[in-house]
Amino acid sequence: MLKLVISPAAAETIRYLPPSIKRGVKQAIRAIAADPGCGEPLERELAEYRKFKVRRFRIVYAIDRGRRIVRIVAVGPRRTIYEDLAERLRGGS
């Protein structure tokens, strides 16, 4: 079993989600913890990450099998999550 780690940014986003979406995100996180391979792999500069869909929101996470960790790095609307994460990884904000 891999340890689940949620980034502070993702935790903050989850905290302020509407209740119905928050429930779906929490269920999805439990599914990811049980089977980290369940999400779809991302491409290009986000190729080391996977995504899990929850209605119009996405959960982006990475699997570190060597350290036995699943890191939830971002939660947000599909429309902006990938650009925001790529910018953050490039050191933008």
C-alpha atoms as a PDB file:
ATOM      1  CA  MET A   1       0.000   0.000   0.000  1.00  0.00           C
ATOM      2  CA  LEU A   2       1.258   3.443  -0.934  1.00  0.00           C
ATOM      3  CA  LYS A   3       1.086   6.425   1.417  1.00  0.00           C
ATOM      4  CA  LEU A   4      -1.167   9.273   0.285  1.00  0.00           C
ATOM      5  CA  VAL A   5       0.177  12.845   0.518  1.00  0.00           C
ATOM      6  CA  ILE A   6      -1.985  15.844  -0.397  1.00  0.00           C
ATOM      7  CA  SER A   7      -0.165  19.078  -1.251  1.00  0.00           C
ATOM      8  CA  PRO A   8      -1.118  22.194   0.720  1.00  0.00           C
ATOM      9  CA  ALA A   9      -2.426  23.843  -2.475  1.00  0.00           C
ATOM     10  CA  ALA A  10      -4.671  20.863  -3.270  1.00  0.00           C
ATOM     11  CA  ALA A  11      -5.908  20.663   0.330  1.00  0.00           C
ATOM     12  CA  GLU A  12      -6.775  24.368   0.276  1.00  0.00           C
ATOM     13  CA  THR A  13      -8.725  23.964  -2.971  1.00  0.00           C
ATOM     14  CA  ILE A  14     -10.630  20.951  -1.625  1.00  0.00           C
ATOM     15  CA  ARG A  15     -11.507  22.871   1.518  1.00  0.00           C
ATOM     16  CA  TYR A  16     -13.452  25.503  -0.450  1.00  0.00           C
ATOM     17  CA  LEU A  17     -15.221  23.251  -2.981  1.00  0.00           C
ATOM     18  CA  PRO A  18     -19.022  23.071  -2.998  1.00  0.00           C
ATOM     19  CA  PRO A  19     -20.204  20.141  -0.823  1.00  0.00           C
ATOM     20  CA  SER A  20     -21.387  17.928  -3.703  1.00  0.00           C
ATOM     21  CA  ILE A  21     -18.085  18.258  -5.568  1.00  0.00           C
ATOM     22  CA  LYS A  22     -16.088  17.911  -2.343  1.00  0.00           C
ATOM     23  CA  ARG A  23     -17.780  14.548  -1.669  1.00  0.00           C
ATOM     24  CA  GLY A  24     -16.901  13.359  -5.183  1.00  0.00           C
ATOM     25  CA  VAL A  25     -13.291  14.511  -4.829  1.00  0.00           C
ATOM     26  CA  LYS A  26     -12.918  12.738  -1.479  1.00  0.00           C
ATOM     27  CA  GLN A  27     -14.350   9.517  -2.970  1.00  0.00           C
ATOM     28  CA  ALA A  28     -11.948   9.852  -5.908  1.00  0.00           C
ATOM     29  CA  ILE A  29      -8.977  10.337  -3.570  1.00  0.00           C
ATOM     30  CA  ARG A  30      -9.964   7.134  -1.758  1.00  0.00           C
ATOM     31  CA  ALA A  31     -10.130   5.347  -5.136  1.00  0.00           C
ATOM     32  CA  ILE A  32      -6.677   6.691  -6.077  1.00  0.00           C
ATOM     33  CA  ALA A  33      -5.254   5.562  -2.722  1.00  0.00           C
ATOM     34  CA  ALA A  34      -6.675   2.066  -3.267  1.00  0.00           C
ATOM     35  CA  ASP A  35      -5.486   1.813  -6.900  1.00  0.00           C
ATOM     36  CA  PRO A  36      -3.022   4.542  -7.961  1.00  0.00           C
ATOM     37  CA  GLY A  37      -3.020   3.292 -11.552  1.00  0.00           C
ATOM     38  CA  CYS A  38      -6.721   4.089 -11.963  1.00  0.00           C
ATOM     39  CA  GLY A  39      -6.144   7.587 -13.359  1.00  0.00           C
ATOM     40  CA  GLU A  40      -5.177   8.421 -16.909  1.00  0.00           C
ATOM     41  CA  PRO A  41      -1.579   9.462 -17.677  1.00  0.00           C
ATOM     42  CA  LEU A  42      -0.999  13.053 -18.761  1.00  0.00           C
ATOM     43  CA  GLU A  43       1.224  14.108 -21.663  1.00  0.00           C
ATOM     44  CA  ARG A  44       3.993  16.527 -22.594  1.00  0.00           C
ATOM     45  CA  GLU A  45       5.426  18.543 -19.704  1.00  0.00           C
ATOM     46  CA  LEU A  46       2.982  16.869 -17.281  1.00  0.00           C
ATOM     47  CA  ALA A  47       3.864  13.324 -18.387  1.00  0.00           C
ATOM     48  CA  GLU A  48       4.979  12.281 -14.885  1.00  0.00           C
ATOM     49  CA  TYR A  49       1.441  12.919 -13.585  1.00  0.00           C
ATOM     50  CA  ARG A  50      -1.923  11.213 -13.841  1.00  0.00           C
ATOM     51  CA  LYS A  51      -5.440  12.634 -13.772  1.00  0.00           C
ATOM     52  CA  PHE A  52      -8.683  11.440 -12.247  1.00  0.00           C
ATOM     53  CA  LYS A  53     -11.957  12.993 -13.399  1.00  0.00           C
ATOM     54  CA  VAL A  54     -14.659  14.147 -10.998  1.00  0.00           C
ATOM     55  CA  ARG A  55     -17.381  15.793 -13.074  1.00  0.00           C
ATOM     56  CA  ARG A  56     -15.868  19.053 -14.365  1.00  0.00           C
ATOM     57  CA  PHE A  57     -12.952  18.871 -11.918  1.00  0.00           C
ATOM     58  CA  ARG A  58      -9.654  17.027 -12.176  1.00  0.00           C
ATOM     59  CA  ILE A  59      -7.354  15.583  -9.551  1.00  0.00           C
ATOM     60  CA  VAL A  60      -3.728  15.558 -10.701  1.00  0.00           C
ATOM     61  CA  TYR A  61      -1.350  13.244  -8.890  1.00  0.00           C
ATOM     62  CA  ALA A  62       2.037  11.546  -9.143  1.00  0.00           C
ATOM     63  CA  ILE A  63       3.082   8.066  -8.101  1.00  0.00           C
ATOM     64  CA  ASP A  64       6.521   7.639  -6.520  1.00  0.00           C
ATOM     65  CA  ARG A  65       6.867   3.867  -6.304  1.00  0.00           C
ATOM     66  CA  GLY A  66      10.424   4.065  -4.954  1.00  0.00           C
ATOM     67  CA  ARG A  67       9.288   6.033  -1.903  1.00  0.00           C
ATOM     68  CA  ARG A  68       5.856   4.338  -1.926  1.00  0.00           C
ATOM     69  CA  ILE A  69       3.970   7.644  -2.099  1.00  0.00           C
ATOM     70  CA  VAL A  70       1.018   8.961  -4.096  1.00  0.00           C
ATOM     71  CA  ARG A  71       1.150  12.779  -4.154  1.00  0.00           C
ATOM     72  CA  ILE A  72      -2.036  14.713  -4.936  1.00  0.00           C
ATOM     73  CA  VAL A  73      -0.550  17.874  -6.429  1.00  0.00           C
ATOM     74  CA  ALA A  74      -3.588  19.762  -7.738  1.00  0.00           C
ATOM     75  CA  VAL A  75      -7.367  19.796  -7.753  1.00  0.00           C
ATOM     76  CA  GLY A  76      -9.309  22.167  -9.967  1.00  0.00           C
ATOM     77  CA  PRO A  77     -11.603  22.751 -12.910  1.00  0.00           C
ATOM     78  CA  ARG A  78     -10.596  21.034 -16.130  1.00  0.00           C
ATOM     79  CA  ARG A  79     -10.638  24.364 -17.938  1.00  0.00           C
ATOM     80  CA  THR A  80      -7.600  25.743 -16.064  1.00  0.00           C
ATOM     81  CA  ILE A  81      -5.914  23.060 -13.966  1.00  0.00           C
ATOM     82  CA  TYR A  82      -3.345  21.870 -16.509  1.00  0.00           C
ATOM     83  CA  GLU A  83      -2.156  25.349 -17.507  1.00  0.00           C
ATOM     84  CA  ASP A  84      -2.023  26.447 -13.863  1.00  0.00           C
ATOM     85  CA  LEU A  85      -0.032  23.371 -12.832  1.00  0.00           C
ATOM     86  CA  ALA A  86       2.391  23.664 -15.770  1.00  0.00           C
ATOM     87  CA  GLU A  87       2.978  27.326 -14.891  1.00  0.00           C
ATOM     88  CA  ARG A  88       3.567  26.460 -11.229  1.00  0.00           C
ATOM     89  CA  LEU A  89       6.058  23.744 -12.211  1.00  0.00           C
ATOM     90  CA  ARG A  90       7.936  26.204 -14.429  1.00  0.00           C
ATOM     91  CA  GLY A  91       8.269  28.448 -11.381  1.00  0.00           C
ATOM     92  CA  GLY A  92       5.673  31.012 -12.415  1.00  0.00           C
ATOM     93  CA  SER A  93       3.669  31.206  -9.197  1.00  0.00           C
END
